[in-house]
N, C-alpha and C. Protein backbone atom coordinates (compact mmCIF):
# COMPACT_ATOMS: atom_id res chain seq x y z
N ALA A 1 -51.43 13.57 -24.80
CA ALA A 1 -51.89 14.84 -25.24
C ALA A 1 -50.51 15.76 -26.22
N GLY A 2 -49.72 15.01 -26.16
CA GLY A 2 -48.19 16.08 -26.69
C GLY A 2 -48.31 15.75 -28.08
N SER A 3 -49.07 15.79 -28.96
CA SER A 3 -49.37 15.63 -30.15
C SER A 3 -50.50 17.03 -31.21
N VAL A 4 -51.01 17.36 -29.31
CA VAL A 4 -53.01 18.24 -29.53
C VAL A 4 -52.47 19.42 -29.84
N ASN A 5 -52.66 19.87 -31.69
CA ASN A 5 -52.42 21.48 -31.36
C ASN A 5 -52.86 22.58 -30.59
N ILE A 6 -52.55 23.53 -30.36
CA ILE A 6 -53.34 24.50 -29.40
C ILE A 6 -53.75 25.68 -30.31
N VAL A 7 -55.52 25.83 -30.31
CA VAL A 7 -55.79 26.88 -31.94
C VAL A 7 -55.74 28.42 -30.77
N GLU A 8 -55.72 28.56 -29.53
CA GLU A 8 -55.95 30.15 -29.44
C GLU A 8 -55.37 29.61 -28.34
N VAL A 9 -55.01 30.84 -27.45
CA VAL A 9 -54.52 31.18 -25.82
C VAL A 9 -55.60 32.74 -26.09
N ARG A 10 -56.00 32.42 -24.01
CA ARG A 10 -56.88 33.39 -23.71
C ARG A 10 -56.18 34.26 -22.32
N ILE A 11 -56.34 34.82 -21.84
CA ILE A 11 -56.15 35.59 -20.82
C ILE A 11 -57.53 35.74 -19.88
N GLU A 12 -57.89 35.24 -19.22
CA GLU A 12 -59.56 35.61 -18.53
C GLU A 12 -59.64 36.34 -17.77
N GLY A 13 -60.39 37.11 -16.68
CA GLY A 13 -61.40 37.73 -15.73
C GLY A 13 -59.92 38.41 -15.04
N HIS A 14 -59.47 39.08 -15.76
CA HIS A 14 -59.07 40.41 -15.40
C HIS A 14 -59.27 41.92 -16.60
N SER A 15 -60.43 42.26 -15.59
CA SER A 15 -60.44 43.58 -15.91
C SER A 15 -59.23 44.84 -16.51
N GLY A 16 -58.71 44.59 -14.92
CA GLY A 16 -57.95 45.31 -15.23
C GLY A 16 -56.29 45.41 -16.27
N VAL A 17 -56.50 44.61 -16.73
CA VAL A 17 -55.20 44.10 -17.98
C VAL A 17 -56.33 44.93 -19.46
N THR A 18 -55.57 45.63 -19.60
CA THR A 18 -56.19 45.85 -21.22
C THR A 18 -55.47 45.32 -22.28
N GLN A 19 -54.03 45.41 -22.35
CA GLN A 19 -53.22 45.46 -23.09
C GLN A 19 -51.92 43.96 -22.80
N VAL A 20 -52.13 43.12 -23.61
CA VAL A 20 -51.79 41.73 -23.50
C VAL A 20 -50.41 42.02 -23.66
N GLY A 21 -49.95 44.20 -24.60
CA GLY A 21 -47.88 43.97 -24.38
C GLY A 21 -48.18 44.15 -23.66
N LYS A 22 -48.63 44.42 -22.43
CA LYS A 22 -48.05 44.94 -21.19
C LYS A 22 -47.88 43.61 -20.71
N LEU A 23 -48.00 42.54 -20.75
CA LEU A 23 -48.42 40.95 -20.26
C LEU A 23 -46.48 40.47 -20.01
N PRO A 24 -45.67 39.68 -19.96
CA PRO A 24 -45.28 38.60 -19.81
C PRO A 24 -44.84 38.92 -21.75
N LYS A 25 -44.27 38.10 -22.48
CA LYS A 25 -44.54 36.98 -23.86
C LYS A 25 -44.65 36.03 -23.04
N LEU A 26 -45.44 35.09 -23.31
CA LEU A 26 -45.93 33.62 -23.50
C LEU A 26 -45.71 32.87 -24.17
N ASN A 27 -44.43 32.02 -24.21
CA ASN A 27 -44.11 30.70 -24.93
C ASN A 27 -45.06 29.88 -25.32
N THR A 28 -46.09 29.91 -25.04
CA THR A 28 -47.18 29.01 -25.31
C THR A 28 -48.32 30.27 -26.59
N ARG A 29 -48.52 29.24 -27.62
CA ARG A 29 -48.97 30.71 -28.38
C ARG A 29 -50.11 29.23 -29.63
N ALA A 30 -51.30 29.97 -29.96
CA ALA A 30 -51.62 29.27 -31.27
C ALA A 30 -51.32 29.12 -32.15
N GLY A 31 -51.10 27.55 -32.71
CA GLY A 31 -50.64 27.37 -33.84
C GLY A 31 -48.95 26.06 -33.08
N SER A 32 -48.33 26.08 -31.68
CA SER A 32 -47.44 25.19 -31.52
C SER A 32 -48.40 24.54 -30.67
N LEU A 33 -47.60 23.20 -30.60
CA LEU A 33 -48.06 22.12 -29.96
C LEU A 33 -48.18 21.69 -28.55
N PHE A 34 -49.06 20.96 -27.73
CA PHE A 34 -49.76 21.61 -26.72
C PHE A 34 -48.04 20.98 -25.99
N ASP A 35 -48.31 21.91 -25.17
CA ASP A 35 -46.42 21.32 -24.01
C ASP A 35 -46.80 21.66 -22.38
N PRO A 36 -47.07 20.88 -21.36
CA PRO A 36 -47.47 21.32 -20.42
C PRO A 36 -45.84 21.71 -19.24
N LYS A 37 -45.04 21.43 -19.51
CA LYS A 37 -42.90 22.26 -19.54
C LYS A 37 -44.40 23.69 -19.86
N LEU A 38 -43.76 23.57 -21.61
CA LEU A 38 -44.71 26.25 -21.33
C LEU A 38 -45.21 26.74 -20.82
N ILE A 39 -46.65 26.10 -20.41
CA ILE A 39 -47.74 26.34 -20.66
C ILE A 39 -47.74 26.92 -18.88
N GLU A 40 -46.70 25.51 -17.70
CA GLU A 40 -45.71 25.79 -16.99
C GLU A 40 -45.75 27.01 -16.02
N ASP A 41 -44.33 27.26 -17.39
CA ASP A 41 -43.26 28.08 -17.50
C ASP A 41 -44.64 29.41 -17.39
N ASP A 42 -45.03 30.06 -18.49
CA ASP A 42 -45.78 30.99 -18.57
C ASP A 42 -46.80 30.92 -17.15
N VAL A 43 -47.57 29.93 -16.96
CA VAL A 43 -48.97 30.41 -15.48
C VAL A 43 -47.96 31.29 -14.47
N ARG A 44 -46.03 30.01 -14.36
CA ARG A 44 -45.72 31.47 -13.26
C ARG A 44 -44.67 32.70 -14.11
N ALA A 45 -44.65 32.92 -15.17
CA ALA A 45 -44.10 34.52 -15.94
C ALA A 45 -45.61 35.72 -15.22
N LEU A 46 -46.70 34.91 -15.27
CA LEU A 46 -47.96 35.45 -15.27
C LEU A 46 -47.72 36.17 -13.28
N ASP A 47 -47.99 35.13 -13.05
CA ASP A 47 -48.04 34.95 -11.49
C ASP A 47 -47.26 36.22 -11.64
N GLY A 48 -45.64 35.86 -11.64
CA GLY A 48 -44.93 37.03 -11.31
C GLY A 48 -44.83 38.24 -10.89
N THR A 49 -45.81 38.31 -12.59
CA THR A 49 -46.29 40.12 -12.52
C THR A 49 -46.92 40.63 -11.12
N ARG A 50 -48.07 39.81 -10.75
CA ARG A 50 -48.52 40.63 -9.15
C ARG A 50 -49.77 40.85 -10.02
N ARG A 51 -50.34 41.14 -11.33
CA ARG A 51 -51.51 42.54 -11.86
C ARG A 51 -52.37 40.38 -12.02
N PHE A 52 -51.85 39.30 -10.87
CA PHE A 52 -52.76 38.31 -10.83
C PHE A 52 -53.39 37.96 -9.35
N ILE A 53 -54.66 37.47 -9.00
CA ILE A 53 -54.59 37.27 -7.81
C ILE A 53 -54.44 35.62 -8.13
N ASP A 54 -54.60 35.51 -8.85
CA ASP A 54 -54.60 33.35 -8.88
C ASP A 54 -54.71 33.07 -10.61
N VAL A 55 -53.52 32.68 -10.09
CA VAL A 55 -53.24 32.35 -12.20
C VAL A 55 -53.48 30.76 -12.08
N ARG A 56 -54.28 30.42 -13.03
CA ARG A 56 -54.90 28.93 -12.76
C ARG A 56 -54.72 28.90 -14.79
N THR A 57 -54.57 27.42 -14.92
CA THR A 57 -54.82 27.31 -16.23
C THR A 57 -56.27 26.36 -16.45
N ARG A 58 -56.95 26.65 -17.58
CA ARG A 58 -58.39 26.35 -18.02
C ARG A 58 -57.70 25.44 -19.29
N TYR A 59 -58.12 24.33 -19.75
CA TYR A 59 -58.46 24.02 -21.07
C TYR A 59 -59.16 22.80 -22.14
N GLN A 60 -59.72 23.69 -23.13
CA GLN A 60 -60.76 22.74 -23.82
C GLN A 60 -60.86 22.82 -25.38
N TYR A 61 -61.24 21.36 -25.52
CA TYR A 61 -60.67 20.77 -26.78
C TYR A 61 -61.96 20.99 -27.04
N VAL A 62 -61.56 21.50 -28.82
CA VAL A 62 -62.54 21.92 -29.66
C VAL A 62 -62.10 21.84 -31.78
N ASN A 63 -62.79 21.74 -32.23
CA ASN A 63 -62.49 21.59 -33.49
C ASN A 63 -60.85 21.61 -33.83
N GLY A 64 -60.45 21.23 -33.87
CA GLY A 64 -58.74 21.77 -34.50
C GLY A 64 -57.46 21.38 -33.54
N GLY A 65 -58.36 21.35 -31.75
CA GLY A 65 -57.09 21.23 -30.82
C GLY A 65 -58.23 21.67 -29.47
N LEU A 66 -56.74 22.65 -28.92
CA LEU A 66 -57.04 23.16 -27.90
C LEU A 66 -57.14 24.33 -27.13
N VAL A 67 -57.87 25.01 -26.72
CA VAL A 67 -57.72 26.37 -26.29
C VAL A 67 -57.14 26.91 -25.46
N VAL A 68 -56.41 26.94 -24.51
CA VAL A 68 -55.70 27.32 -23.13
C VAL A 68 -56.56 28.48 -22.73
């Protein structure tokens, strides 16, 4: 999956976070290549905000790449 393009990054399930700007800057972005190490770093950063009870990564293959 190293050459798979990320088409979208979604943060779902926490109604208390209304502005993505209040979250840490994520390294995983639409248009970048799938990199499990960067995603792992992003999960740690989100978990470290203590705004989430449980941070899990989900992947969905779509036309043109991957939604993370």
